[in-house]
């Protein structure tokens, strides 16, 4: 099930990110899985400004964030602080 939302691109300590306004485990009835050492989350297919890419949604401080790599930022022409429209869907195992 694809979900759409708008959000501000935020600077992160590793990658930029968009706050996701829903809990992926509730919406997609899925369990977070190990993404890398010490981090669990949800692998997703996403679209920002018409550019498709794969990313992940991770929990942090009782909120959820979709990571946006520098390559995606360059390709979409967005900058930290911009409000963007996103579409995301979970990648099924």
N, C-alpha and C. Protein backbone atom coordinates (compact mmCIF):
# COMPACT_ATOMS: atom_id res chain seq x y z
N UNK A 1 0.84 -1.17 0.00
CA UNK A 1 0.00 0.00 0.00
C UNK A 1 0.89 1.24 0.00
N UNK A 2 0.73 2.08 -1.00
CA UNK A 2 1.52 3.30 -1.12
C UNK A 2 0.91 4.39 -0.26
N UNK A 3 1.76 5.11 0.46
CA UNK A 3 1.33 6.24 1.29
C UNK A 3 2.00 7.50 0.76
N UNK A 4 1.27 8.60 0.75
CA UNK A 4 1.84 9.88 0.33
C UNK A 4 1.76 10.87 1.48
N UNK A 5 2.71 11.78 1.50
CA UNK A 5 2.74 12.82 2.52
C UNK A 5 3.67 13.94 2.06
N UNK A 6 3.57 15.08 2.70
CA UNK A 6 4.48 16.19 2.47
C UNK A 6 5.27 16.43 3.74
N UNK A 7 6.50 16.89 3.57
CA UNK A 7 7.32 17.17 4.73
C UNK A 7 8.52 18.01 4.37
N UNK A 8 9.14 18.56 5.39
CA UNK A 8 10.34 19.37 5.22
C UNK A 8 11.57 18.48 5.25
N UNK A 9 12.46 18.68 4.29
CA UNK A 9 13.72 17.93 4.28
C UNK A 9 14.59 18.46 5.41
N UNK A 10 14.95 17.57 6.32
CA UNK A 10 15.72 17.92 7.51
C UNK A 10 17.16 17.46 7.39
N UNK A 11 18.08 18.23 7.98
CA UNK A 11 19.48 17.80 8.02
C UNK A 11 19.59 16.70 9.07
N UNK A 12 20.41 15.71 8.78
CA UNK A 12 20.60 14.61 9.72
C UNK A 12 22.05 14.46 10.08
N UNK A 13 22.32 13.56 11.04
CA UNK A 13 23.71 13.35 11.41
C UNK A 13 24.43 12.44 10.41
N UNK A 14 23.66 11.70 9.62
CA UNK A 14 24.26 10.84 8.60
C UNK A 14 23.74 11.25 7.23
N UNK A 15 22.45 11.12 7.01
CA UNK A 15 21.80 11.55 5.77
C UNK A 15 20.72 12.55 6.13
N UNK A 16 20.27 13.29 5.13
CA UNK A 16 19.10 14.13 5.32
C UNK A 16 17.89 13.19 5.46
N UNK A 17 16.78 13.71 5.96
CA UNK A 17 15.63 12.84 6.20
C UNK A 17 14.33 13.64 6.15
N UNK A 18 13.25 12.91 5.90
CA UNK A 18 11.89 13.45 5.99
C UNK A 18 11.20 12.76 7.15
N UNK A 19 10.52 13.54 8.00
CA UNK A 19 9.73 12.92 9.05
C UNK A 19 8.51 12.26 8.41
N UNK A 20 8.29 11.01 8.75
CA UNK A 20 7.17 10.23 8.23
C UNK A 20 6.02 10.35 9.23
N UNK A 21 4.83 10.81 8.79
CA UNK A 21 3.75 11.10 9.72
C UNK A 21 2.89 9.89 10.11
N UNK A 22 3.48 8.70 10.05
CA UNK A 22 2.75 7.50 10.44
C UNK A 22 3.73 6.45 10.92
N UNK A 23 3.20 5.47 11.62
CA UNK A 23 3.99 4.35 12.12
C UNK A 23 3.93 3.23 11.08
N UNK A 24 5.03 2.94 10.40
CA UNK A 24 5.02 1.91 9.35
C UNK A 24 4.55 0.54 9.85
N UNK A 25 4.84 0.19 11.09
CA UNK A 25 4.43 -1.13 11.58
C UNK A 25 2.91 -1.23 11.68
N UNK A 26 2.24 -0.12 11.94
CA UNK A 26 0.78 -0.10 12.02
C UNK A 26 0.16 -0.06 10.62
N UNK A 27 0.63 0.86 9.80
CA UNK A 27 0.06 1.05 8.46
C UNK A 27 0.28 -0.17 7.57
N UNK A 28 1.49 -0.71 7.60
CA UNK A 28 1.81 -1.83 6.71
C UNK A 28 1.75 -3.18 7.42
N UNK A 29 1.41 -3.18 8.70
CA UNK A 29 1.36 -4.42 9.48
C UNK A 29 2.63 -5.25 9.26
N UNK A 30 3.75 -4.57 9.45
CA UNK A 30 5.05 -5.21 9.23
C UNK A 30 5.93 -4.98 10.45
N UNK A 31 6.87 -5.89 10.63
CA UNK A 31 7.84 -5.74 11.71
C UNK A 31 9.10 -5.09 11.17
N UNK A 32 9.69 -4.21 11.97
CA UNK A 32 10.98 -3.64 11.61
C UNK A 32 12.00 -4.77 11.51
N UNK A 33 12.94 -4.62 10.60
CA UNK A 33 13.98 -5.63 10.47
C UNK A 33 15.35 -4.98 10.58
N UNK A 34 16.35 -5.79 10.78
CA UNK A 34 17.71 -5.28 10.93
C UNK A 34 18.16 -4.70 9.58
N UNK A 35 18.57 -3.44 9.60
CA UNK A 35 19.04 -2.77 8.39
C UNK A 35 20.57 -2.75 8.34
N UNK A 36 21.18 -2.45 9.49
CA UNK A 36 22.61 -2.52 9.68
C UNK A 36 22.85 -2.61 11.18
N UNK A 37 24.07 -2.79 11.60
CA UNK A 37 24.36 -2.99 13.02
C UNK A 37 23.77 -1.87 13.86
N UNK A 38 22.91 -2.27 14.78
CA UNK A 38 22.33 -1.31 15.71
C UNK A 38 21.14 -0.53 15.19
N UNK A 39 20.67 -0.81 13.99
CA UNK A 39 19.55 -0.04 13.43
C UNK A 39 18.53 -0.98 12.81
N UNK A 40 17.28 -0.82 13.26
CA UNK A 40 16.15 -1.55 12.69
C UNK A 40 15.24 -0.56 11.98
N UNK A 41 14.49 -1.04 11.01
CA UNK A 41 13.57 -0.16 10.30
C UNK A 41 12.90 -0.90 9.16
N UNK A 42 12.47 -0.13 8.19
CA UNK A 42 11.66 -0.65 7.09
C UNK A 42 12.27 -0.20 5.76
N UNK A 43 12.57 -1.16 4.88
CA UNK A 43 13.05 -0.81 3.54
C UNK A 43 11.86 -0.38 2.70
N UNK A 44 12.04 0.73 1.94
CA UNK A 44 10.94 1.27 1.15
C UNK A 44 11.39 1.67 -0.24
N UNK A 45 10.41 1.70 -1.14
CA UNK A 45 10.55 2.34 -2.45
C UNK A 45 9.90 3.70 -2.28
N UNK A 46 10.56 4.75 -2.77
CA UNK A 46 10.05 6.09 -2.55
C UNK A 46 10.15 6.92 -3.83
N UNK A 47 9.38 8.00 -3.85
CA UNK A 47 9.45 8.97 -4.93
C UNK A 47 9.41 10.36 -4.32
N UNK A 48 10.35 11.20 -4.72
CA UNK A 48 10.38 12.61 -4.34
C UNK A 48 10.48 13.43 -5.62
N UNK A 49 9.60 14.36 -5.80
CA UNK A 49 9.63 15.22 -7.00
C UNK A 49 9.79 14.40 -8.28
N UNK A 50 9.12 13.26 -8.35
CA UNK A 50 9.15 12.42 -9.54
C UNK A 50 10.35 11.52 -9.68
N UNK A 51 11.29 11.58 -8.76
CA UNK A 51 12.49 10.74 -8.79
C UNK A 51 12.28 9.54 -7.87
N UNK A 52 12.41 8.33 -8.43
CA UNK A 52 12.23 7.11 -7.66
C UNK A 52 13.57 6.62 -7.11
N UNK A 53 13.53 6.05 -5.91
CA UNK A 53 14.74 5.53 -5.28
C UNK A 53 14.33 4.57 -4.17
N UNK A 54 15.29 3.83 -3.66
CA UNK A 54 15.06 2.96 -2.50
C UNK A 54 15.73 3.58 -1.29
N UNK A 55 15.10 3.42 -0.14
CA UNK A 55 15.61 3.99 1.10
C UNK A 55 15.11 3.15 2.26
N UNK A 56 15.11 3.74 3.43
CA UNK A 56 14.56 3.08 4.60
C UNK A 56 13.93 4.11 5.52
N UNK A 57 12.98 3.63 6.28
CA UNK A 57 12.35 4.43 7.33
C UNK A 57 12.84 3.87 8.65
N UNK A 58 13.36 4.76 9.49
CA UNK A 58 13.91 4.33 10.77
C UNK A 58 13.24 5.10 11.92
N UNK A 59 13.08 4.44 13.06
CA UNK A 59 12.53 5.14 14.23
C UNK A 59 13.63 5.91 14.95
N UNK A 60 13.23 7.04 15.52
CA UNK A 60 14.15 7.81 16.35
C UNK A 60 13.32 8.71 17.25
N UNK A 61 13.49 8.58 18.54
CA UNK A 61 12.80 9.40 19.54
C UNK A 61 11.28 9.39 19.34
N UNK A 62 10.73 8.18 19.19
CA UNK A 62 9.29 7.95 19.05
C UNK A 62 8.68 8.58 17.79
N UNK A 63 9.53 8.86 16.80
CA UNK A 63 9.09 9.36 15.49
C UNK A 63 9.74 8.46 14.44
N UNK A 64 9.32 8.65 13.19
CA UNK A 64 9.87 7.86 12.08
C UNK A 64 10.40 8.80 11.01
N UNK A 65 11.55 8.42 10.43
CA UNK A 65 12.20 9.26 9.43
C UNK A 65 12.64 8.42 8.24
N UNK A 66 12.41 8.95 7.03
CA UNK A 66 12.89 8.32 5.80
C UNK A 66 14.20 9.00 5.43
N UNK A 67 15.25 8.21 5.29
CA UNK A 67 16.55 8.75 4.94
C UNK A 67 16.59 9.12 3.46
N UNK A 68 17.22 10.26 3.16
CA UNK A 68 17.34 10.75 1.79
C UNK A 68 18.82 11.01 1.51
N UNK A 69 19.38 10.24 0.60
CA UNK A 69 20.82 10.33 0.33
C UNK A 69 21.16 11.60 -0.45
N UNK A 70 22.43 11.95 -0.40
CA UNK A 70 22.92 13.13 -1.13
C UNK A 70 22.67 12.98 -2.63
N UNK A 71 22.81 11.76 -3.17
CA UNK A 71 22.55 11.54 -4.60
C UNK A 71 21.11 11.89 -4.96
N UNK A 72 20.15 11.49 -4.13
CA UNK A 72 18.74 11.78 -4.38
C UNK A 72 18.50 13.28 -4.27
N UNK A 73 19.11 13.92 -3.30
CA UNK A 73 18.96 15.37 -3.15
C UNK A 73 19.44 16.09 -4.40
N UNK A 74 20.59 15.69 -4.91
CA UNK A 74 21.13 16.32 -6.13
C UNK A 74 20.21 16.06 -7.32
N UNK A 75 19.74 14.82 -7.48
CA UNK A 75 18.90 14.47 -8.63
C UNK A 75 17.55 15.19 -8.61
N UNK A 76 16.99 15.39 -7.43
CA UNK A 76 15.68 16.04 -7.33
C UNK A 76 15.78 17.56 -7.31
N UNK A 77 16.96 18.09 -7.01
CA UNK A 77 17.14 19.53 -6.95
C UNK A 77 16.58 20.16 -5.68
N UNK A 78 16.37 19.34 -4.65
CA UNK A 78 15.84 19.88 -3.40
C UNK A 78 16.99 20.23 -2.45
N UNK A 79 16.66 21.00 -1.43
CA UNK A 79 17.65 21.38 -0.42
C UNK A 79 17.05 21.20 0.96
N UNK A 80 17.90 21.06 1.96
CA UNK A 80 17.43 21.02 3.34
C UNK A 80 16.59 22.27 3.59
N UNK A 81 15.43 22.05 4.20
CA UNK A 81 14.49 23.15 4.46
C UNK A 81 13.35 23.21 3.47
N UNK A 82 13.51 22.58 2.29
CA UNK A 82 12.42 22.55 1.30
C UNK A 82 11.31 21.61 1.77
N UNK A 83 10.06 21.97 1.45
CA UNK A 83 8.94 21.07 1.67
C UNK A 83 8.73 20.28 0.39
N UNK A 84 8.66 18.97 0.51
CA UNK A 84 8.53 18.10 -0.67
C UNK A 84 7.39 17.13 -0.48
N UNK A 85 6.88 16.63 -1.61
CA UNK A 85 5.86 15.58 -1.59
C UNK A 85 6.56 14.25 -1.78
N UNK A 86 6.17 13.29 -0.96
CA UNK A 86 6.78 11.96 -1.00
C UNK A 86 5.71 10.91 -1.16
N UNK A 87 6.07 9.83 -1.84
CA UNK A 87 5.24 8.63 -1.90
C UNK A 87 6.14 7.47 -1.50
N UNK A 88 5.65 6.63 -0.60
CA UNK A 88 6.46 5.49 -0.14
C UNK A 88 5.63 4.23 -0.06
N UNK A 89 6.30 3.10 -0.29
CA UNK A 89 5.68 1.80 -0.09
C UNK A 89 6.76 0.85 0.40
N UNK A 90 6.35 -0.06 1.25
CA UNK A 90 7.31 -0.98 1.84
C UNK A 90 7.78 -1.98 0.78
N UNK A 91 9.03 -2.39 0.89
CA UNK A 91 9.57 -3.44 0.03
C UNK A 91 9.31 -4.75 0.74
N UNK A 92 8.50 -5.59 0.13
CA UNK A 92 8.16 -6.89 0.72
C UNK A 92 9.33 -7.84 0.59
N UNK A 93 9.46 -8.70 1.59
CA UNK A 93 10.52 -9.73 1.54
C UNK A 93 10.25 -10.75 0.49
